[in-house]
């Protein structure tokens, strides 16, 4: 079974440079801003992002998206009805219906947030915000953002990130 929160690998990064022969290449990270020289990876090659990764955001940013207007909120009811008829692991709201409502300092990774939501309510995890349902919470570590659809105060559903980002 495929994990809901796969770990980002450096080989997926567009800033990874491979120099030299294909049997024994040297790898570099070229994601640094400005004219800074690329940083060389150890001989073992790139695996997972190192703490010095220029794209890594620590702690991750939490963005809360809400509907642009009431018409888009109404159209979302069709998405909810389709998911209720055939519940799946993920839901597919349309990105074009949303705008950023707030940026919150959460201090949690996407996996930690989802695990916390299994044990408590959204108002406990993100205090001082009112949720009406239908909002999308995005947790972005700079490498691989994950989104969650707020179905109710006690239920968030992972968003199909391939459909969200298209």
Protein backbone atom coordinates (compact mmCIF):
# COMPACT_ATOMS: atom_id res chain seq x y z
CA UNK A 1 0.00 0.00 0.00
CA UNK A 2 1.25 3.46 -0.90
CA UNK A 3 1.92 5.78 2.02
CA UNK A 4 -0.26 8.88 2.45
CA UNK A 5 2.84 10.90 3.33
CA UNK A 6 5.76 9.72 1.22
CA UNK A 7 9.12 11.18 2.15
CA UNK A 8 10.60 13.54 -0.41
CA UNK A 9 13.79 12.27 -2.07
CA UNK A 10 16.53 14.45 -3.50
CA UNK A 11 16.33 12.52 -6.77
CA UNK A 12 12.87 14.10 -7.32
CA UNK A 13 14.30 17.62 -7.00
CA UNK A 14 14.82 19.71 -10.15
CA UNK A 15 17.97 21.25 -8.59
CA UNK A 16 19.89 17.97 -8.41
CA UNK A 17 22.88 18.00 -10.76
CA UNK A 18 24.64 14.85 -11.93
CA UNK A 19 28.18 15.35 -13.23
CA UNK A 20 30.52 12.73 -14.62
CA UNK A 21 30.15 9.21 -15.94
CA UNK A 22 26.86 7.38 -15.44
CA UNK A 23 28.52 4.54 -13.52
CA UNK A 24 30.14 6.78 -10.88
CA UNK A 25 28.63 10.27 -11.07
CA UNK A 26 29.13 13.13 -8.64
CA UNK A 27 25.96 14.77 -7.37
CA UNK A 28 25.47 18.44 -6.49
CA UNK A 29 22.61 20.54 -5.11
CA UNK A 30 22.14 23.69 -7.21
CA UNK A 31 19.08 25.07 -5.40
CA UNK A 32 20.83 27.87 -3.56
CA UNK A 33 19.72 31.43 -4.35
CA UNK A 34 22.02 33.92 -5.99
CA UNK A 35 25.41 32.97 -7.36
CA UNK A 36 26.35 30.55 -4.59
CA UNK A 37 28.26 27.49 -5.75
CA UNK A 38 26.41 24.15 -5.81
CA UNK A 39 27.00 21.96 -2.77
CA UNK A 40 28.46 18.52 -3.32
CA UNK A 41 26.73 15.46 -1.88
CA UNK A 42 28.75 12.75 -0.13
CA UNK A 43 30.04 9.83 -2.22
CA UNK A 44 27.01 7.76 -1.22
CA UNK A 45 24.92 10.19 -3.25
CA UNK A 46 21.70 12.03 -2.47
CA UNK A 47 18.96 10.30 -0.53
CA UNK A 48 16.70 12.45 1.62
CA UNK A 49 17.05 16.23 2.07
CA UNK A 50 19.79 17.27 4.46
CA UNK A 51 19.22 20.00 7.10
CA UNK A 52 21.12 22.41 4.83
CA UNK A 53 18.66 21.93 1.93
CA UNK A 54 17.87 25.40 0.53
CA UNK A 55 14.25 24.49 -0.25
CA UNK A 56 13.47 23.02 3.19
CA UNK A 57 11.21 25.17 5.37
CA UNK A 58 11.53 24.39 9.06
CA UNK A 59 9.11 24.52 10.79
CA UNK A 60 6.62 23.91 7.98
CA UNK A 61 4.19 26.67 6.99
CA UNK A 62 0.49 26.06 7.57
CA UNK A 63 -1.87 27.85 5.18
CA UNK A 64 -5.65 27.83 5.61
CA UNK A 65 -7.66 28.19 2.40
CA UNK A 66 -11.30 29.25 2.32
CA UNK A 67 -13.76 29.71 -0.51
CA UNK A 68 -13.52 32.77 -2.72
CA UNK A 69 -17.26 33.42 -2.39
CA UNK A 70 -20.56 31.76 -1.49
CA UNK A 71 -21.10 30.45 -5.02
CA UNK A 72 -17.91 28.38 -4.72
CA UNK A 73 -19.00 27.16 -1.27
CA UNK A 74 -22.27 25.97 -2.80
CA UNK A 75 -20.44 24.20 -5.65
CA UNK A 76 -18.30 22.41 -3.06
CA UNK A 77 -21.42 20.70 -1.77
CA UNK A 78 -21.27 18.55 -4.92
CA UNK A 79 -17.76 17.42 -4.00
CA UNK A 80 -18.94 16.56 -0.48
CA UNK A 81 -21.96 14.61 -1.80
CA UNK A 82 -19.77 12.61 -4.19
CA UNK A 83 -17.36 11.73 -1.37
CA UNK A 84 -20.24 10.79 0.98
CA UNK A 85 -21.70 8.47 -1.66
CA UNK A 86 -18.35 6.69 -2.13
CA UNK A 87 -15.93 7.50 0.73
CA UNK A 88 -12.29 7.10 -0.23
CA UNK A 89 -8.93 7.75 1.38
CA UNK A 90 -8.66 11.15 -0.39
CA UNK A 91 -11.00 13.87 -1.60
CA UNK A 92 -10.59 16.13 -4.64
CA UNK A 93 -11.74 19.73 -4.13
CA UNK A 94 -11.00 22.18 -6.93
CA UNK A 95 -8.08 24.52 -6.20
CA UNK A 96 -9.60 27.36 -8.24
CA UNK A 97 -12.45 27.74 -5.72
CA UNK A 98 -10.09 28.70 -2.87
CA UNK A 99 -7.93 31.58 -1.68
CA UNK A 100 -5.55 31.85 1.28
CA UNK A 101 -7.45 32.93 4.39
CA UNK A 102 -4.66 32.73 6.97
CA UNK A 103 -1.11 31.55 7.62
CA UNK A 104 -0.73 29.85 10.98
CA UNK A 105 2.37 28.79 12.91
CA UNK A 106 1.58 25.18 13.65
CA UNK A 107 5.01 23.60 14.14
CA UNK A 108 3.79 20.19 12.90
CA UNK A 109 4.61 18.13 9.84
CA UNK A 110 1.73 16.90 7.68
CA UNK A 111 2.01 13.41 9.15
CA UNK A 112 2.02 14.74 12.74
CA UNK A 113 -1.00 16.95 11.99
CA UNK A 114 -2.97 14.04 10.52
CA UNK A 115 -2.09 11.77 13.45
CA UNK A 116 -3.13 14.48 15.94
CA UNK A 117 -6.45 14.81 14.14
CA UNK A 118 -7.17 11.13 14.76
CA UNK A 119 -7.16 11.78 18.53
CA UNK A 120 -8.66 15.26 18.93
CA UNK A 121 -10.62 18.05 17.27
CA UNK A 122 -9.40 20.67 14.81
CA UNK A 123 -10.12 23.44 17.31
CA UNK A 124 -7.59 21.81 19.67
CA UNK A 125 -4.88 21.56 17.01
CA UNK A 126 -5.45 25.02 15.48
CA UNK A 127 -6.92 27.20 18.22
CA UNK A 128 -8.26 30.73 17.64
CA UNK A 129 -9.77 29.84 14.23
CA UNK A 130 -13.31 28.98 13.35
CA UNK A 131 -13.90 26.30 10.72
CA UNK A 132 -17.25 25.89 8.93
CA UNK A 133 -16.31 22.88 6.84
CA UNK A 134 -14.98 22.85 3.31
CA UNK A 135 -11.77 24.73 4.10
CA UNK A 136 -8.43 23.29 3.03
CA UNK A 137 -5.40 23.22 5.33
CA UNK A 138 -2.02 23.05 3.60
CA UNK A 139 1.17 22.11 5.41
CA UNK A 140 4.18 23.06 3.32
CA UNK A 141 7.74 22.06 4.21
CA UNK A 142 9.08 23.64 1.00
CA UNK A 143 9.62 20.27 -0.64
CA UNK A 144 6.28 18.49 -0.79
CA UNK A 145 3.13 20.29 0.44
CA UNK A 146 0.18 18.25 1.73
CA UNK A 147 -3.42 19.46 1.86
CA UNK A 148 -6.31 18.39 4.09
CA UNK A 149 -10.00 19.04 3.49
CA UNK A 150 -11.95 20.09 6.60
CA UNK A 151 -15.05 17.90 6.52
CA UNK A 152 -15.99 18.60 10.14
CA UNK A 153 -14.30 19.79 13.33
CA UNK A 154 -13.33 16.21 14.11
CA UNK A 155 -12.59 14.98 10.57
CA UNK A 156 -10.03 16.09 8.01
CA UNK A 157 -9.56 14.17 4.77
CA UNK A 158 -6.29 14.18 2.81
CA UNK A 159 -6.61 15.98 -0.53
CA UNK A 160 -5.49 14.23 -3.70
CA UNK A 161 -2.41 16.40 -4.25
CA UNK A 162 -2.08 15.56 -7.95
CA UNK A 163 -5.54 16.98 -8.66
CA UNK A 164 -5.03 19.95 -6.28
CA UNK A 165 -1.81 21.05 -7.99
CA UNK A 166 -2.94 20.85 -11.60
